[in-house]
Amino acid sequence: MPVTPAPEVRAVLPSEMVRPVPNPVAESPQFRHAVENGTRTRTGAPGPEHWTQHTEYDI
């Protein structure tokens, strides 16, 4: 019985991998409003007008 050699296996470097292109994201009216008001930036990070509700309780 003839012996066939195994196929060559080569590691793929991350830089050689093909990355999928993400679909565009539609901007919602709520997000656009938050950007216009300054509570969010275009990247989605908190904007200069961002606030966090805070309270302290004494029981």
PDB file of N, CA and C in Angstrom:
ATOM      1  N   MET A   1       0.837  -1.168   0.000  1.00  0.00           N
ATOM      2  CA  MET A   1       0.000   0.000   0.000  1.00  0.00           C
ATOM      3  C   MET A   1       0.892   1.246   0.000  1.00  0.00           C
ATOM      4  N   PRO A   2       0.688   2.169  -0.959  1.00  0.00           N
ATOM      5  CA  PRO A   2       1.544   3.359  -1.022  1.00  0.00           C
ATOM      6  C   PRO A   2       1.217   4.335   0.111  1.00  0.00           C
ATOM      7  N   VAL A   3       2.226   5.005   0.573  1.00  0.00           N
ATOM      8  CA  VAL A   3       2.075   5.984   1.655  1.00  0.00           C
ATOM      9  C   VAL A   3       2.096   7.372   1.041  1.00  0.00           C
ATOM     10  N   THR A   4       1.086   8.180   1.375  1.00  0.00           N
ATOM     11  CA  THR A   4       1.066   9.564   0.887  1.00  0.00           C
ATOM     12  C   THR A   4       1.451  10.493   2.030  1.00  0.00           C
ATOM     13  N   PRO A   5       2.305  11.451   1.749  1.00  0.00           N
ATOM     14  CA  PRO A   5       2.725  12.371   2.810  1.00  0.00           C
ATOM     15  C   PRO A   5       1.562  13.273   3.235  1.00  0.00           C
ATOM     16  N   ALA A   6       1.601  13.697   4.478  1.00  0.00           N
ATOM     17  CA  ALA A   6       0.581  14.613   5.005  1.00  0.00           C
ATOM     18  C   ALA A   6       0.752  15.979   4.359  1.00  0.00           C
ATOM     19  N   PRO A   7      -0.339  16.697   4.156  1.00  0.00           N
ATOM     20  CA  PRO A   7      -0.215  18.040   3.573  1.00  0.00           C
ATOM     21  C   PRO A   7       0.538  18.972   4.525  1.00  0.00           C
ATOM     22  N   GLU A   8       1.207  19.938   3.928  1.00  0.00           N
ATOM     23  CA  GLU A   8       1.972  20.906   4.719  1.00  0.00           C
ATOM     24  C   GLU A   8       1.008  21.806   5.490  1.00  0.00           C
ATOM     25  N   VAL A   9       1.282  21.997   6.761  1.00  0.00           N
ATOM     26  CA  VAL A   9       0.461  22.864   7.608  1.00  0.00           C
ATOM     27  C   VAL A   9       1.308  24.063   7.992  1.00  0.00           C
ATOM     28  N   ARG A  10       0.751  25.249   7.802  1.00  0.00           N
ATOM     29  CA  ARG A  10       1.467  26.479   8.108  1.00  0.00           C
ATOM     30  C   ARG A  10       0.583  27.357   8.984  1.00  0.00           C
ATOM     31  N   ALA A  11       1.190  27.951  10.007  1.00  0.00           N
ATOM     32  CA  ALA A  11       0.450  28.853  10.894  1.00  0.00           C
ATOM     33  C   ALA A  11       0.124  30.145  10.154  1.00  0.00           C
ATOM     34  N   VAL A  12      -1.046  30.686  10.428  1.00  0.00           N
ATOM     35  CA  VAL A  12      -1.459  31.951   9.827  1.00  0.00           C
ATOM     36  C   VAL A  12      -1.260  33.047  10.864  1.00  0.00           C
ATOM     37  N   LEU A  13      -0.499  34.051  10.491  1.00  0.00           N
ATOM     38  CA  LEU A  13      -0.260  35.180  11.387  1.00  0.00           C
ATOM     39  C   LEU A  13      -1.500  36.069  11.436  1.00  0.00           C
ATOM     40  N   PRO A  14      -1.752  36.717  12.571  1.00  0.00           N
ATOM     41  CA  PRO A  14      -2.914  37.615  12.648  1.00  0.00           C
ATOM     42  C   PRO A  14      -2.901  38.695  11.571  1.00  0.00           C
ATOM     43  N   SER A  15      -1.716  39.164  11.193  1.00  0.00           N
ATOM     44  CA  SER A  15      -1.639  40.203  10.164  1.00  0.00           C
ATOM     45  C   SER A  15      -2.016  39.674   8.787  1.00  0.00           C
ATOM     46  N   GLU A  16      -2.020  38.350   8.614  1.00  0.00           N
ATOM     47  CA  GLU A  16      -2.377  37.754   7.329  1.00  0.00           C
ATOM     48  C   GLU A  16      -3.859  37.377   7.247  1.00  0.00           C
ATOM     49  N   MET A  17      -4.548  37.451   8.365  1.00  0.00           N
ATOM     50  CA  MET A  17      -5.952  37.060   8.386  1.00  0.00           C
ATOM     51  C   MET A  17      -6.817  38.137   7.743  1.00  0.00           C
ATOM     52  N   VAL A  18      -7.849  37.717   7.071  1.00  0.00           N
ATOM     53  CA  VAL A  18      -8.786  38.648   6.458  1.00  0.00           C
ATOM     54  C   VAL A  18      -9.886  38.928   7.472  1.00  0.00           C
ATOM     55  N   ARG A  19     -10.069  40.199   7.791  1.00  0.00           N
ATOM     56  CA  ARG A  19     -11.094  40.578   8.760  1.00  0.00           C
ATOM     57  C   ARG A  19     -12.362  40.982   8.025  1.00  0.00           C
ATOM     58  N   PRO A  20     -13.513  40.608   8.551  1.00  0.00           N
ATOM     59  CA  PRO A  20     -14.760  41.022   7.905  1.00  0.00           C
ATOM     60  C   PRO A  20     -14.975  42.524   8.070  1.00  0.00           C
ATOM     61  N   VAL A  21     -15.588  43.118   7.086  1.00  0.00           N
ATOM     62  CA  VAL A  21     -15.904  44.538   7.144  1.00  0.00           C
ATOM     63  C   VAL A  21     -17.281  44.668   7.789  1.00  0.00           C
ATOM     64  N   PRO A  22     -17.384  45.391   8.913  1.00  0.00           N
ATOM     65  CA  PRO A  22     -18.691  45.501   9.568  1.00  0.00           C
ATOM     66  C   PRO A  22     -19.661  46.340   8.735  1.00  0.00           C
ATOM     67  N   ASN A  23     -20.922  46.035   8.880  1.00  0.00           N
ATOM     68  CA  ASN A  23     -21.955  46.813   8.198  1.00  0.00           C
ATOM     69  C   ASN A  23     -22.039  48.192   8.833  1.00  0.00           C
ATOM     70  N   PRO A  24     -22.453  49.192   8.070  1.00  0.00           N
ATOM     71  CA  PRO A  24     -22.606  50.521   8.667  1.00  0.00           C
ATOM     72  C   PRO A  24     -23.728  50.511   9.702  1.00  0.00           C
ATOM     73  N   VAL A  25     -23.580  51.347  10.696  1.00  0.00           N
ATOM     74  CA  VAL A  25     -24.579  51.447  11.758  1.00  0.00           C
ATOM     75  C   VAL A  25     -25.397  52.707  11.515  1.00  0.00           C
ATOM     76  N   ALA A  26     -26.702  52.542  11.478  1.00  0.00           N
ATOM     77  CA  ALA A  26     -27.581  53.697  11.285  1.00  0.00           C
ATOM     78  C   ALA A  26     -27.672  54.477  12.595  1.00  0.00           C
ATOM     79  N   GLU A  27     -27.515  55.776  12.498  1.00  0.00           N
ATOM     80  CA  GLU A  27     -27.575  56.635  13.684  1.00  0.00           C
ATOM     81  C   GLU A  27     -29.039  56.886  14.040  1.00  0.00           C
ATOM     82  N   SER A  28     -29.405  56.613  15.280  1.00  0.00           N
ATOM     83  CA  SER A  28     -30.794  56.812  15.703  1.00  0.00           C
ATOM     84  C   SER A  28     -31.039  58.288  16.030  1.00  0.00           C
ATOM     85  N   PRO A  29     -32.288  58.721  15.955  1.00  0.00           N
ATOM     86  CA  PRO A  29     -32.599  60.102  16.336  1.00  0.00           C
ATOM     87  C   PRO A  29     -32.239  60.392  17.797  1.00  0.00           C
ATOM     88  N   GLN A  30     -32.388  59.397  18.677  1.00  0.00           N
ATOM     89  CA  GLN A  30     -32.056  59.600  20.091  1.00  0.00           C
ATOM     90  C   GLN A  30     -30.558  59.848  20.272  1.00  0.00           C
ATOM     91  N   PHE A  31     -29.726  59.094  19.532  1.00  0.00           N
ATOM     92  CA  PHE A  31     -28.278  59.291  19.632  1.00  0.00           C
ATOM     93  C   PHE A  31     -27.900  60.666  19.083  1.00  0.00           C
ATOM     94  N   ARG A  32     -28.465  61.032  17.948  1.00  0.00           N
ATOM     95  CA  ARG A  32     -28.180  62.341  17.350  1.00  0.00           C
ATOM     96  C   ARG A  32     -28.560  63.451  18.330  1.00  0.00           C
ATOM     97  N   HIS A  33     -29.690  63.306  19.003  1.00  0.00           N
ATOM     98  CA  HIS A  33     -30.142  64.295  19.984  1.00  0.00           C
ATOM     99  C   HIS A  33     -29.162  64.384  21.159  1.00  0.00           C
ATOM    100  N   ALA A  34     -28.675  63.239  21.638  1.00  0.00           N
ATOM    101  CA  ALA A  34     -27.711  63.229  22.746  1.00  0.00           C
ATOM    102  C   ALA A  34     -26.408  63.915  22.343  1.00  0.00           C
ATOM    103  N   VAL A  35     -25.970  63.715  21.104  1.00  0.00           N
ATOM    104  CA  VAL A  35     -24.749  64.381  20.623  1.00  0.00           C
ATOM    105  C   VAL A  35     -24.978  65.884  20.548  1.00  0.00           C
ATOM    106  N   GLU A  36     -26.130  66.285  20.017  1.00  0.00           N
ATOM    107  CA  GLU A  36     -26.436  67.717  19.909  1.00  0.00           C
ATOM    108  C   GLU A  36     -26.523  68.381  21.283  1.00  0.00           C
ATOM    109  N   ASN A  37     -27.023  67.662  22.277  1.00  0.00           N
ATOM    110  CA  ASN A  37     -27.130  68.209  23.639  1.00  0.00           C
ATOM    111  C   ASN A  37     -25.823  68.145  24.413  1.00  0.00           C
ATOM    112  N   GLY A  38     -24.831  67.426  23.906  1.00  0.00           N
ATOM    113  CA  GLY A  38     -23.534  67.350  24.573  1.00  0.00           C
ATOM    114  C   GLY A  38     -23.436  66.261  25.621  1.00  0.00           C
ATOM    115  N   THR A  39     -24.472  65.416  25.758  1.00  0.00           N
ATOM    116  CA  THR A  39     -24.388  64.345  26.746  1.00  0.00           C
ATOM    117  C   THR A  39     -23.615  63.144  26.224  1.00  0.00           C
ATOM    118  N   ARG A  40     -23.427  63.069  24.909  1.00  0.00           N
ATOM    119  CA  ARG A  40     -22.618  62.012  24.285  1.00  0.00           C
ATOM    120  C   ARG A  40     -21.753  62.636  23.210  1.00  0.00           C
ATOM    121  N   THR A  41     -20.608  61.991  22.937  1.00  0.00           N
ATOM    122  CA  THR A  41     -19.760  62.409  21.822  1.00  0.00           C
ATOM    123  C   THR A  41     -20.092  61.527  20.622  1.00  0.00           C
ATOM    124  N   ARG A  42     -19.541  61.845  19.469  1.00  0.00           N
ATOM    125  CA  ARG A  42     -19.790  61.039  18.264  1.00  0.00           C
ATOM    126  C   ARG A  42     -19.290  59.613  18.426  1.00  0.00           C
ATOM    127  N   THR A  43     -18.333  59.374  19.322  1.00  0.00           N
ATOM    128  CA  THR A  43     -17.825  58.016  19.547  1.00  0.00           C
ATOM    129  C   THR A  43     -18.695  57.241  20.534  1.00  0.00           C
ATOM    130  N   GLY A  44     -19.657  57.915  21.173  1.00  0.00           N
ATOM    131  CA  GLY A  44     -20.512  57.257  22.155  1.00  0.00           C
ATOM    132  C   GLY A  44     -20.047  57.452  23.587  1.00  0.00           C
ATOM    133  N   ALA A  45     -18.885  58.071  23.761  1.00  0.00           N
ATOM    134  CA  ALA A  45     -18.366  58.334  25.109  1.00  0.00           C
ATOM    135  C   ALA A  45     -19.174  59.463  25.757  1.00  0.00           C
ATOM    136  N   PRO A  46     -19.165  59.556  27.089  1.00  0.00           N
ATOM    137  CA  PRO A  46     -19.856  60.669  27.748  1.00  0.00           C
ATOM    138  C   PRO A  46     -19.324  62.012  27.260  1.00  0.00           C
ATOM    139  N   GLY A  47     -20.235  62.949  27.020  1.00  0.00           N
ATOM    140  CA  GLY A  47     -19.858  64.272  26.540  1.00  0.00           C
ATOM    141  C   GLY A  47     -19.674  65.254  27.682  1.00  0.00           C
ATOM    142  N   PRO A  48     -19.385  66.520  27.351  1.00  0.00           N
ATOM    143  CA  PRO A  48     -19.129  67.521  28.388  1.00  0.00           C
ATOM    144  C   PRO A  48     -20.354  67.813  29.264  1.00  0.00           C
ATOM    145  N   GLU A  49     -21.549  67.568  28.762  1.00  0.00           N
ATOM    146  CA  GLU A  49     -22.770  67.811  29.535  1.00  0.00           C
ATOM    147  C   GLU A  49     -23.308  66.546  30.202  1.00  0.00           C
ATOM    148  N   HIS A  50     -22.517  65.482  30.191  1.00  0.00           N
ATOM    149  CA  HIS A  50     -22.950  64.214  30.793  1.00  0.00           C
ATOM    150  C   HIS A  50     -23.036  64.378  32.304  1.00  0.00           C
ATOM    151  N   TRP A  51     -24.064  63.788  32.880  1.00  0.00           N
ATOM    152  CA  TRP A  51     -24.213  63.840  34.336  1.00  0.00           C
ATOM    153  C   TRP A  51     -24.595  62.459  34.833  1.00  0.00           C
ATOM    154  N   THR A  52     -24.288  62.211  36.096  1.00  0.00           N
ATOM    155  CA  THR A  52     -24.645  60.964  36.753  1.00  0.00           C
ATOM    156  C   THR A  52     -25.451  61.311  37.997  1.00  0.00           C
ATOM    157  N   GLN A  53     -26.591  60.678  38.145  1.00  0.00           N
ATOM    158  CA  GLN A  53     -27.416  60.926  39.325  1.00  0.00           C
ATOM    159  C   GLN A  53     -26.720  60.332  40.543  1.00  0.00           C
ATOM    160  N   HIS A  54     -26.661  61.093  41.622  1.00  0.00           N
ATOM    161  CA  HIS A  54     -25.977  60.650  42.833  1.00  0.00           C
ATOM    162  C   HIS A  54     -26.782  61.118  44.041  1.00  0.00           C
ATOM    163  N   THR A  55     -26.830  60.292  45.033  1.00  0.00           N
ATOM    164  CA  THR A  55     -27.497  60.674  46.277  1.00  0.00           C
ATOM    165  C   THR A  55     -26.830  59.970  47.448  1.00  0.00           C
ATOM    166  N   GLU A  56     -27.006  60.517  48.632  1.00  0.00           N
ATOM    167  CA  GLU A  56     -26.504  59.898  49.857  1.00  0.00           C
ATOM    168  C   GLU A  56     -27.663  59.791  50.833  1.00  0.00           C
ATOM    169  N   TYR A  57     -27.685  58.714  51.566  1.00  0.00           N
ATOM    170  CA  TYR A  57     -28.751  58.487  52.537  1.00  0.00           C
ATOM    171  C   TYR A  57     -28.160  58.356  53.934  1.00  0.00           C
ATOM    172  N   ASP A  58     -28.822  58.933  54.927  1.00  0.00           N
ATOM    173  CA  ASP A  58     -28.513  58.728  56.340  1.00  0.00           C
ATOM    174  C   ASP A  58     -29.746  58.084  56.961  1.00  0.00           C
ATOM    175  N   ILE A  59     -29.587  56.863  57.410  1.00  0.00           N
ATOM    176  CA  ILE A  59     -30.715  56.153  58.025  1.00  0.00           C
ATOM    177  C   ILE A  59     -30.444  55.988  59.507  1.00  0.00           C
TER     178      ILE A  59
END
